[in-house]
Amino acid sequence: EGTVVTATLNMGRAFINFGADYRTDFTVTVSPADMKSFRQARFDVRALAGKRIRVRGWLDVYNGPEMEIAIPRD
């Protein structure tokens, strides 16, 4: 749980960053295939910038701590 610093799309993948340096700070990603569910739910990932959110899932390490999510929730 924390405040999103930036939320962007790059090549169909969403990157939700919780710090200024994505190489070391916590990042949440959404794969291009899972972005379909977000679009169907009319969930704009980019609108998360500046908002406090909570995510749940398995933590991995890729350019710092990372979690991939697949399902949009309010």
PDB file of N, CA and C in Angstrom:
ATOM      1  N   GLU A   1       0.852  -1.176   0.000  1.00  0.00           N
ATOM      2  CA  GLU A   1       0.000   0.000   0.000  1.00  0.00           C
ATOM      3  C   GLU A   1       0.892   1.232   0.000  1.00  0.00           C
ATOM      4  N   GLY A   2       0.511   2.215  -0.824  1.00  0.00           N
ATOM      5  CA  GLY A   2       1.278   3.445  -0.867  1.00  0.00           C
ATOM      6  C   GLY A   2       0.743   4.390  -1.920  1.00  0.00           C
ATOM      7  N   THR A   3       1.431   5.508  -2.067  1.00  0.00           N
ATOM      8  CA  THR A   3       1.032   6.520  -3.033  1.00  0.00           C
ATOM      9  C   THR A   3       1.796   6.316  -4.333  1.00  0.00           C
ATOM     10  N   VAL A   4       1.062   6.290  -5.424  1.00  0.00           N
ATOM     11  CA  VAL A   4       1.651   6.093  -6.751  1.00  0.00           C
ATOM     12  C   VAL A   4       2.324   7.388  -7.188  1.00  0.00           C
ATOM     13  N   VAL A   5       3.601   7.276  -7.575  1.00  0.00           N
ATOM     14  CA  VAL A   5       4.341   8.436  -8.057  1.00  0.00           C
ATOM     15  C   VAL A   5       4.063   8.647  -9.539  1.00  0.00           C
ATOM     16  N   THR A   6       4.196   7.576 -10.330  1.00  0.00           N
ATOM     17  CA  THR A   6       3.892   7.656 -11.761  1.00  0.00           C
ATOM     18  C   THR A   6       3.153   6.395 -12.187  1.00  0.00           C
ATOM     19  N   ALA A   7       2.335   6.531 -13.199  1.00  0.00           N
ATOM     20  CA  ALA A   7       1.609   5.395 -13.781  1.00  0.00           C
ATOM     21  C   ALA A   7       1.593   5.606 -15.289  1.00  0.00           C
ATOM     22  N   THR A   8       2.268   4.710 -16.012  1.00  0.00           N
ATOM     23  CA  THR A   8       2.426   4.891 -17.452  1.00  0.00           C
ATOM     24  C   THR A   8       2.151   3.587 -18.198  1.00  0.00           C
ATOM     25  N   LEU A   9       1.988   3.729 -19.503  1.00  0.00           N
ATOM     26  CA  LEU A   9       1.880   2.586 -20.405  1.00  0.00           C
ATOM     27  C   LEU A   9       3.060   2.637 -21.351  1.00  0.00           C
ATOM     28  N   ASN A  10       3.687   1.481 -21.567  1.00  0.00           N
ATOM     29  CA  ASN A  10       4.803   1.381 -22.493  1.00  0.00           C
ATOM     30  C   ASN A  10       4.696   0.056 -23.227  1.00  0.00           C
ATOM     31  N   MET A  11       4.479   0.130 -24.545  1.00  0.00           N
ATOM     32  CA  MET A  11       4.332  -1.059 -25.376  1.00  0.00           C
ATOM     33  C   MET A  11       3.222  -1.979 -24.851  1.00  0.00           C
ATOM     34  N   GLY A  12       2.128  -1.367 -24.370  1.00  0.00           N
ATOM     35  CA  GLY A  12       0.975  -2.120 -23.912  1.00  0.00           C
ATOM     36  C   GLY A  12       1.041  -2.589 -22.478  1.00  0.00           C
ATOM     37  N   ARG A  13       2.178  -2.454 -21.823  1.00  0.00           N
ATOM     38  CA  ARG A  13       2.340  -2.862 -20.413  1.00  0.00           C
ATOM     39  C   ARG A  13       2.214  -1.636 -19.527  1.00  0.00           C
ATOM     40  N   ALA A  14       1.487  -1.787 -18.422  1.00  0.00           N
ATOM     41  CA  ALA A  14       1.345  -0.695 -17.453  1.00  0.00           C
ATOM     42  C   ALA A  14       2.446  -0.800 -16.408  1.00  0.00           C
ATOM     43  N   PHE A  15       2.980   0.345 -16.039  1.00  0.00           N
ATOM     44  CA  PHE A  15       3.990   0.446 -14.983  1.00  0.00           C
ATOM     45  C   PHE A  15       3.484   1.436 -13.951  1.00  0.00           C
ATOM     46  N   ILE A  16       3.270   0.951 -12.738  1.00  0.00           N
ATOM     47  CA  ILE A  16       2.771   1.771 -11.640  1.00  0.00           C
ATOM     48  C   ILE A  16       3.904   1.865 -10.629  1.00  0.00           C
ATOM     49  N   ASN A  17       4.526   3.035 -10.559  1.00  0.00           N
ATOM     50  CA  ASN A  17       5.738   3.216  -9.751  1.00  0.00           C
ATOM     51  C   ASN A  17       5.435   3.930  -8.446  1.00  0.00           C
ATOM     52  N   PHE A  18       6.009   3.399  -7.377  1.00  0.00           N
ATOM     53  CA  PHE A  18       5.804   3.956  -6.043  1.00  0.00           C
ATOM     54  C   PHE A  18       7.010   4.761  -5.570  1.00  0.00           C
ATOM     55  N   GLY A  19       7.940   5.031  -6.469  1.00  0.00           N
ATOM     56  CA  GLY A  19       9.108   5.827  -6.134  1.00  0.00           C
ATOM     57  C   GLY A  19       9.655   6.491  -7.377  1.00  0.00           C
ATOM     58  N   ALA A  20      10.619   7.388  -7.186  1.00  0.00           N
ATOM     59  CA  ALA A  20      11.167   8.147  -8.300  1.00  0.00           C
ATOM     60  C   ALA A  20      12.089   7.313  -9.192  1.00  0.00           C
ATOM     61  N   ASP A  21      12.686   6.241  -8.652  1.00  0.00           N
ATOM     62  CA  ASP A  21      13.632   5.428  -9.416  1.00  0.00           C
ATOM     63  C   ASP A  21      13.088   4.009  -9.571  1.00  0.00           C
ATOM     64  N   TYR A  22      12.557   3.702 -10.747  1.00  0.00           N
ATOM     65  CA  TYR A  22      11.947   2.379 -10.969  1.00  0.00           C
ATOM     66  C   TYR A  22      12.962   1.245 -10.846  1.00  0.00           C
ATOM     67  N   ARG A  23      14.239   1.551 -10.922  1.00  0.00           N
ATOM     68  CA  ARG A  23      15.260   0.495 -10.834  1.00  0.00           C
ATOM     69  C   ARG A  23      15.458  -0.015  -9.403  1.00  0.00           C
ATOM     70  N   THR A  24      15.025   0.779  -8.440  1.00  0.00           N
ATOM     71  CA  THR A  24      15.219   0.373  -7.050  1.00  0.00           C
ATOM     72  C   THR A  24      13.936   0.420  -6.227  1.00  0.00           C
ATOM     73  N   ASP A  25      12.964   1.214  -6.642  1.00  0.00           N
ATOM     74  CA  ASP A  25      11.717   1.357  -5.879  1.00  0.00           C
ATOM     75  C   ASP A  25      10.684   0.332  -6.321  1.00  0.00           C
ATOM     76  N   PHE A  26       9.655   0.167  -5.535  1.00  0.00           N
ATOM     77  CA  PHE A  26       8.589  -0.800  -5.804  1.00  0.00           C
ATOM     78  C   PHE A  26       7.795  -0.405  -7.038  1.00  0.00           C
ATOM     79  N   THR A  27       7.554  -1.381  -7.922  1.00  0.00           N
ATOM     80  CA  THR A  27       6.780  -1.169  -9.142  1.00  0.00           C
ATOM     81  C   THR A  27       5.739  -2.263  -9.279  1.00  0.00           C
ATOM     82  N   VAL A  28       4.548  -1.877  -9.698  1.00  0.00           N
ATOM     83  CA  VAL A  28       3.493  -2.829 -10.039  1.00  0.00           C
ATOM     84  C   VAL A  28       3.331  -2.787 -11.552  1.00  0.00           C
ATOM     85  N   THR A  29       3.212  -3.958 -12.180  1.00  0.00           N
ATOM     86  CA  THR A  29       3.023  -3.993 -13.629  1.00  0.00           C
ATOM     87  C   THR A  29       1.743  -4.740 -13.978  1.00  0.00           C
ATOM     88  N   VAL A  30       1.230  -4.434 -15.169  1.00  0.00           N
ATOM     89  CA  VAL A  30       0.088  -5.153 -15.729  1.00  0.00           C
ATOM     90  C   VAL A  30       0.494  -5.539 -17.148  1.00  0.00           C
ATOM     91  N   SER A  31       0.464  -6.831 -17.447  1.00  0.00           N
ATOM     92  CA  SER A  31       0.891  -7.308 -18.758  1.00  0.00           C
ATOM     93  C   SER A  31      -0.051  -6.803 -19.846  1.00  0.00           C
ATOM     94  N   PRO A  32       0.428  -6.747 -21.086  1.00  0.00           N
ATOM     95  CA  PRO A  32      -0.451  -6.324 -22.186  1.00  0.00           C
ATOM     96  C   PRO A  32      -1.707  -7.200 -22.295  1.00  0.00           C
ATOM     97  N   ALA A  33      -1.584  -8.494 -22.076  1.00  0.00           N
ATOM     98  CA  ALA A  33      -2.752  -9.386 -22.145  1.00  0.00           C
ATOM     99  C   ALA A  33      -3.764  -9.055 -21.048  1.00  0.00           C
ATOM    100  N   ASP A  34      -3.282  -8.735 -19.846  1.00  0.00           N
ATOM    101  CA  ASP A  34      -4.186  -8.410 -18.741  1.00  0.00           C
ATOM    102  C   ASP A  34      -4.753  -6.997 -18.832  1.00  0.00           C
ATOM    103  N   MET A  35      -4.110  -6.128 -19.612  1.00  0.00           N
ATOM    104  CA  MET A  35      -4.645  -4.786 -19.794  1.00  0.00           C
ATOM    105  C   MET A  35      -6.027  -4.824 -20.438  1.00  0.00           C
ATOM    106  N   LYS A  36      -6.336  -5.903 -21.150  1.00  0.00           N
ATOM    107  CA  LYS A  36      -7.663  -6.045 -21.755  1.00  0.00           C
ATOM    108  C   LYS A  36      -8.752  -5.994 -20.682  1.00  0.00           C
ATOM    109  N   SER A  37      -8.527  -6.678 -19.557  1.00  0.00           N
ATOM    110  CA  SER A  37      -9.491  -6.665 -18.445  1.00  0.00           C
ATOM    111  C   SER A  37      -9.650  -5.265 -17.871  1.00  0.00           C
ATOM    112  N   PHE A  38      -8.549  -4.532 -17.799  1.00  0.00           N
ATOM    113  CA  PHE A  38      -8.595  -3.169 -17.271  1.00  0.00           C
ATOM    114  C   PHE A  38      -9.377  -2.260 -18.216  1.00  0.00           C
ATOM    115  N   ARG A  39      -9.152  -2.406 -19.527  1.00  0.00           N
ATOM    116  CA  ARG A  39      -9.897  -1.602 -20.498  1.00  0.00           C
ATOM    117  C   ARG A  39     -11.386  -1.938 -20.453  1.00  0.00           C
ATOM    118  N   GLN A  40     -11.717  -3.233 -20.353  1.00  0.00           N
ATOM    119  CA  GLN A  40     -13.124  -3.642 -20.293  1.00  0.00           C
ATOM    120  C   GLN A  40     -13.809  -3.080 -19.053  1.00  0.00           C
ATOM    121  N   ALA A  41     -13.073  -2.970 -17.966  1.00  0.00           N
ATOM    122  CA  ALA A  41     -13.625  -2.413 -16.721  1.00  0.00           C
ATOM    123  C   ALA A  41     -13.571  -0.877 -16.710  1.00  0.00           C
ATOM    124  N   ARG A  42     -13.094  -0.289 -17.820  1.00  0.00           N
ATOM    125  CA  ARG A  42     -12.923   1.160 -17.930  1.00  0.00           C
ATOM    126  C   ARG A  42     -12.055   1.702 -16.791  1.00  0.00           C
ATOM    127  N   PHE A  43     -11.011   0.961 -16.504  1.00  0.00           N
ATOM    128  CA  PHE A  43     -10.072   1.290 -15.439  1.00  0.00           C
ATOM    129  C   PHE A  43      -8.828   1.891 -16.086  1.00  0.00           C
ATOM    130  N   ASP A  44      -8.642   3.197 -15.934  1.00  0.00           N
ATOM    131  CA  ASP A  44      -7.492   3.882 -16.520  1.00  0.00           C
ATOM    132  C   ASP A  44      -6.331   3.845 -15.530  1.00  0.00           C
ATOM    133  N   VAL A  45      -5.366   3.003 -15.814  1.00  0.00           N
ATOM    134  CA  VAL A  45      -4.210   2.843 -14.922  1.00  0.00           C
ATOM    135  C   VAL A  45      -3.473   4.166 -14.751  1.00  0.00           C
ATOM    136  N   ARG A  46      -3.385   4.958 -15.805  1.00  0.00           N
ATOM    137  CA  ARG A  46      -2.653   6.234 -15.739  1.00  0.00           C
ATOM    138  C   ARG A  46      -3.269   7.197 -14.733  1.00  0.00           C
ATOM    139  N   ALA A  47      -4.544   7.039 -14.421  1.00  0.00           N
ATOM    140  CA  ALA A  47      -5.217   7.912 -13.458  1.00  0.00           C
ATOM    141  C   ALA A  47      -4.800   7.620 -12.015  1.00  0.00           C
ATOM    142  N   LEU A  48      -4.005   6.578 -11.801  1.00  0.00           N
ATOM    143  CA  LEU A  48      -3.575   6.227 -10.446  1.00  0.00           C
ATOM    144  C   LEU A  48      -2.469   7.139  -9.917  1.00  0.00           C
ATOM    145  N   ALA A  49      -1.788   7.856 -10.788  1.00  0.00           N
ATOM    146  CA  ALA A  49      -0.706   8.745 -10.350  1.00  0.00           C
ATOM    147  C   ALA A  49      -1.217   9.715  -9.291  1.00  0.00           C
ATOM    148  N   GLY A  50      -0.513   9.756  -8.170  1.00  0.00           N
ATOM    149  CA  GLY A  50      -0.874  10.644  -7.068  1.00  0.00           C
ATOM    150  C   GLY A  50      -1.878  10.066  -6.093  1.00  0.00           C
ATOM    151  N   LYS A  51      -2.416   8.886  -6.391  1.00  0.00           N
ATOM    152  CA  LYS A  51      -3.413   8.269  -5.515  1.00  0.00           C
ATOM    153  C   LYS A  51      -2.786   7.194  -4.633  1.00  0.00           C
ATOM    154  N   ARG A  52      -3.412   6.971  -3.507  1.00  0.00           N
ATOM    155  CA  ARG A  52      -2.982   5.913  -2.590  1.00  0.00           C
ATOM    156  C   ARG A  52      -3.741   4.642  -2.962  1.00  0.00           C
ATOM    157  N   ILE A  53      -3.003   3.554  -3.204  1.00  0.00           N
ATOM    158  CA  ILE A  53      -3.629   2.288  -3.583  1.00  0.00           C
ATOM    159  C   ILE A  53      -3.034   1.141  -2.772  1.00  0.00           C
ATOM    160  N   ARG A  54      -3.738   0.020  -2.819  1.00  0.00           N
ATOM    161  CA  ARG A  54      -3.265  -1.213  -2.171  1.00  0.00           C
ATOM    162  C   ARG A  54      -3.295  -2.318  -3.219  1.00  0.00           C
ATOM    163  N   VAL A  55      -2.226  -3.091  -3.302  1.00  0.00           N
ATOM    164  CA  VAL A  55      -2.160  -4.231  -4.214  1.00  0.00           C
ATOM    165  C   VAL A  55      -1.826  -5.478  -3.408  1.00  0.00           C
ATOM    166  N   ARG A  56      -2.266  -6.614  -3.952  1.00  0.00           N
ATOM    167  CA  ARG A  56      -1.960  -7.890  -3.302  1.00  0.00           C
ATOM    168  C   ARG A  56      -1.450  -8.848  -4.363  1.00  0.00           C
ATOM    169  N   GLY A  57      -0.488  -9.653  -3.980  1.00  0.00           N
ATOM    170  CA  GLY A  57       0.056 -10.629  -4.910  1.00  0.00           C
ATOM    171  C   GLY A  57       1.426 -11.093  -4.453  1.00  0.00           C
ATOM    172  N   TRP A  58       2.118 -11.730  -5.367  1.00  0.00           N
ATOM    173  CA  TRP A  58       3.451 -12.269  -5.089  1.00  0.00           C
ATOM    174  C   TRP A  58       4.508 -11.261  -5.486  1.00  0.00           C
ATOM    175  N   LEU A  59       5.458 -11.042  -4.601  1.00  0.00           N
ATOM    176  CA  LEU A  59       6.545 -10.115  -4.851  1.00  0.00           C
ATOM    177  C   LEU A  59       7.656 -10.816  -5.611  1.00  0.00           C
ATOM    178  N   ASP A  60       8.185 -10.137  -6.604  1.00  0.00           N
ATOM    179  CA  ASP A  60       9.298 -10.643  -7.400  1.00  0.00           C
ATOM    180  C   ASP A  60      10.352  -9.540  -7.443  1.00  0.00           C
ATOM    181  N   VAL A  61      11.493  -9.839  -8.053  1.00  0.00           N
ATOM    182  CA  VAL A  61      12.539  -8.834  -8.194  1.00  0.00           C
ATOM    183  C   VAL A  61      12.913  -8.722  -9.660  1.00  0.00           C
ATOM    184  N   TYR A  62      12.713  -7.543 -10.221  1.00  0.00           N
ATOM    185  CA  TYR A  62      13.131  -7.209 -11.576  1.00  0.00           C
ATOM    186  C   TYR A  62      13.309  -5.706 -11.602  1.00  0.00           C
ATOM    187  N   ASN A  63      14.531  -5.242 -11.662  1.00  0.00           N
ATOM    188  CA  ASN A  63      14.818  -3.808 -11.494  1.00  0.00           C
ATOM    189  C   ASN A  63      14.244  -3.318 -10.172  1.00  0.00           C
ATOM    190  N   GLY A  64      14.462  -4.058  -9.116  1.00  0.00           N
ATOM    191  CA  GLY A  64      13.904  -3.716  -7.814  1.00  0.00           C
ATOM    192  C   GLY A  64      12.670  -4.557  -7.546  1.00  0.00           C
ATOM    193  N   PRO A  65      12.030  -4.352  -6.412  1.00  0.00           N
ATOM    194  CA  PRO A  65      10.844  -5.140  -6.084  1.00  0.00           C
ATOM    195  C   PRO A  65       9.700  -4.848  -7.049  1.00  0.00           C
ATOM    196  N   GLU A  66       9.047  -5.920  -7.513  1.00  0.00           N
ATOM    197  CA  GLU A  66       7.986  -5.774  -8.507  1.00  0.00           C
ATOM    198  C   GLU A  66       6.866  -6.771  -8.228  1.00  0.00           C
ATOM    199  N   MET A  67       5.655  -6.366  -8.556  1.00  0.00           N
ATOM    200  CA  MET A  67       4.507  -7.243  -8.458  1.00  0.00           C
ATOM    201  C   MET A  67       3.691  -7.070  -9.733  1.00  0.00           C
ATOM    202  N   GLU A  68       3.289  -8.183 -10.331  1.00  0.00           N
ATOM    203  CA  GLU A  68       2.422  -8.120 -11.515  1.00  0.00           C
ATOM    204  C   GLU A  68       0.999  -8.427 -11.080  1.00  0.00           C
ATOM    205  N   ILE A  69       0.078  -7.545 -11.454  1.00  0.00           N
ATOM    206  CA  ILE A  69      -1.327  -7.754 -11.119  1.00  0.00           C
ATOM    207  C   ILE A  69      -2.099  -8.009 -12.398  1.00  0.00           C
ATOM    208  N   ALA A  70      -3.251  -8.664 -12.266  1.00  0.00           N
ATOM    209  CA  ALA A  70      -4.008  -9.064 -13.440  1.00  0.00           C
ATOM    210  C   ALA A  70      -5.468  -8.631 -13.425  1.00  0.00           C
ATOM    211  N   ILE A  71      -5.982  -8.265 -12.255  1.00  0.00           N
ATOM    212  CA  ILE A  71      -7.405  -7.998 -12.124  1.00  0.00           C
ATOM    213  C   ILE A  71      -7.626  -6.619 -11.503  1.00  0.00           C
ATOM    214  N   PRO A  72      -8.390  -5.763 -12.175  1.00  0.00           N
ATOM    215  CA  PRO A  72      -8.687  -4.457 -11.587  1.00  0.00           C
ATOM    216  C   PRO A  72      -9.745  -4.583 -10.487  1.00  0.00           C
ATOM    217  N   ARG A  73      -9.552  -3.896  -9.400  1.00  0.00           N
ATOM    218  CA  ARG A  73     -10.520  -3.854  -8.289  1.00  0.00           C
ATOM    219  C   ARG A  73     -10.662  -2.436  -7.814  1.00  0.00           C
ATOM    220  N   ASP A  74     -11.825  -2.092  -7.325  1.00  0.00           N
ATOM    221  CA  ASP A  74     -12.027  -0.769  -6.723  1.00  0.00           C
ATOM    222  C   ASP A  74     -11.625  -0.786  -5.278  1.00  0.00           C
TER     223      ASP A  74
END
